[in-house]
Amino acid sequence: MTRDVLARAATARPFRPFTVRLRDGDAVRVPHPEVIFLPPKNPGMVVISKPSGGVRLTDMASITCVEFPEPVERPAPLSAGEAGNLREEPRTQ
């Protein structure tokens, strides 16, 4: 894994959450770009904030890959005519 690949994932716009897989089998989720930091003065290090409030310091050599979840298919937006057909019909008793 190169620092450039990780930096592009961390700074992508729009940001897409991803998971960093480590050589020891651990997986670290990066749900937001503010939880990952690549120190400019230490290019071999990655800092990832933990949900518990701590941080995880990881060296680049232990990262095996960056995984992105499969995109969720979203239904196409309804046209004005289709949206009008969604109104609930009054019930007759």
Protein backbone atom coordinates (compact mmCIF):
# COMPACT_ATOMS: atom_id res chain seq x y z
CA MET A 1 0.00 0.00 0.00
CA THR A 2 1.36 3.40 -0.88
CA ARG A 3 0.84 6.60 1.07
CA ASP A 4 -0.52 8.22 -2.10
CA VAL A 5 -3.37 5.66 -2.39
CA LEU A 6 -4.33 6.21 1.24
CA ALA A 7 -4.10 10.00 0.90
CA ARG A 8 -6.37 9.98 -2.15
CA ALA A 9 -8.96 7.88 -0.29
CA ALA A 10 -8.79 10.21 2.73
CA THR A 11 -9.16 13.40 0.69
CA ALA A 12 -11.62 12.24 -1.98
CA ARG A 13 -14.50 14.60 -2.67
CA PRO A 14 -17.15 13.50 -2.18
CA PHE A 15 -15.68 11.42 0.62
CA ARG A 16 -16.56 7.73 0.66
CA PRO A 17 -16.11 5.83 3.94
CA PHE A 18 -13.55 3.05 3.70
CA THR A 19 -11.83 0.35 5.72
CA VAL A 20 -8.07 0.00 6.17
CA ARG A 21 -7.00 -3.66 6.34
CA LEU A 22 -3.87 -4.46 8.32
CA ARG A 23 -1.34 -7.25 8.01
CA ASP A 24 -2.31 -8.66 11.44
CA GLY A 25 -5.92 -9.15 10.24
CA ASP A 26 -7.38 -6.09 11.95
CA ALA A 27 -9.71 -3.80 10.05
CA VAL A 28 -9.99 -0.10 10.87
CA ARG A 29 -13.06 1.75 9.60
CA VAL A 30 -12.65 5.34 8.40
CA PRO A 31 -16.20 6.76 8.34
CA HIS A 32 -15.18 10.41 7.93
CA PRO A 33 -12.08 12.20 6.59
CA GLU A 34 -11.42 13.87 9.94
CA VAL A 35 -10.60 10.57 11.66
CA ILE A 36 -7.48 9.88 9.58
CA PHE A 37 -4.25 11.88 9.54
CA LEU A 38 -1.11 11.34 7.49
CA PRO A 39 1.67 13.25 9.30
CA PRO A 40 3.71 15.22 6.74
CA LYS A 41 6.94 14.86 8.75
CA ASN A 42 6.56 11.10 9.19
CA PRO A 43 5.47 9.63 5.83
CA GLY A 44 5.59 6.06 7.16
CA MET A 45 2.95 6.69 9.84
CA VAL A 46 -0.87 6.86 9.79
CA VAL A 47 -2.97 8.15 12.70
CA ILE A 48 -6.59 6.99 12.90
CA SER A 49 -8.99 8.17 15.64
CA LYS A 50 -10.91 5.43 17.42
CA PRO A 51 -14.64 5.73 18.17
CA SER A 52 -13.73 5.39 21.88
CA GLY A 53 -11.73 8.62 21.72
CA GLY A 54 -8.23 7.15 21.50
CA VAL A 55 -6.00 6.98 18.44
CA ARG A 56 -4.33 4.17 16.58
CA LEU A 57 -0.82 4.75 15.24
CA THR A 58 -0.06 2.45 12.33
CA ASP A 59 2.91 2.27 10.04
CA MET A 60 2.26 2.23 6.30
CA ALA A 61 4.05 -1.11 5.94
CA SER A 62 1.30 -2.84 7.99
CA ILE A 63 -1.49 -1.71 5.68
CA THR A 64 -2.42 -4.34 3.13
CA CYS A 65 -5.34 -2.64 1.39
CA VAL A 66 -8.07 -0.02 1.45
CA GLU A 67 -11.61 -1.35 0.94
CA PHE A 68 -14.63 0.63 -0.15
CA PRO A 69 -18.11 -0.78 0.47
CA GLU A 70 -20.18 -1.75 -2.53
CA PRO A 71 -22.21 1.22 -3.71
CA VAL A 72 -25.85 1.10 -2.71
CA GLU A 73 -28.18 1.27 -5.67
CA ARG A 74 -30.62 4.08 -5.20
CA PRO A 75 -33.90 4.18 -7.08
CA ALA A 76 -34.18 6.82 -9.76
CA PRO A 77 -35.97 9.98 -8.63
CA LEU A 78 -39.67 10.11 -9.39
CA SER A 79 -40.94 12.48 -12.05
CA ALA A 80 -43.54 15.07 -11.03
CA GLY A 81 -46.30 12.91 -12.54
CA GLU A 82 -45.14 9.78 -10.72
CA ALA A 83 -44.85 11.65 -7.43
CA GLY A 84 -48.43 12.91 -7.83
CA ASN A 85 -49.66 9.33 -8.15
CA LEU A 86 -48.33 8.52 -4.67
CA ARG A 87 -51.05 10.49 -2.90
CA GLU A 88 -53.14 8.31 -0.66
CA GLU A 89 -56.70 7.80 -1.87
CA PRO A 90 -59.43 8.70 0.65
CA ARG A 91 -60.97 5.68 2.31
CA THR A 92 -64.66 4.96 1.90
CA GLN A 93 -66.53 3.28 4.69
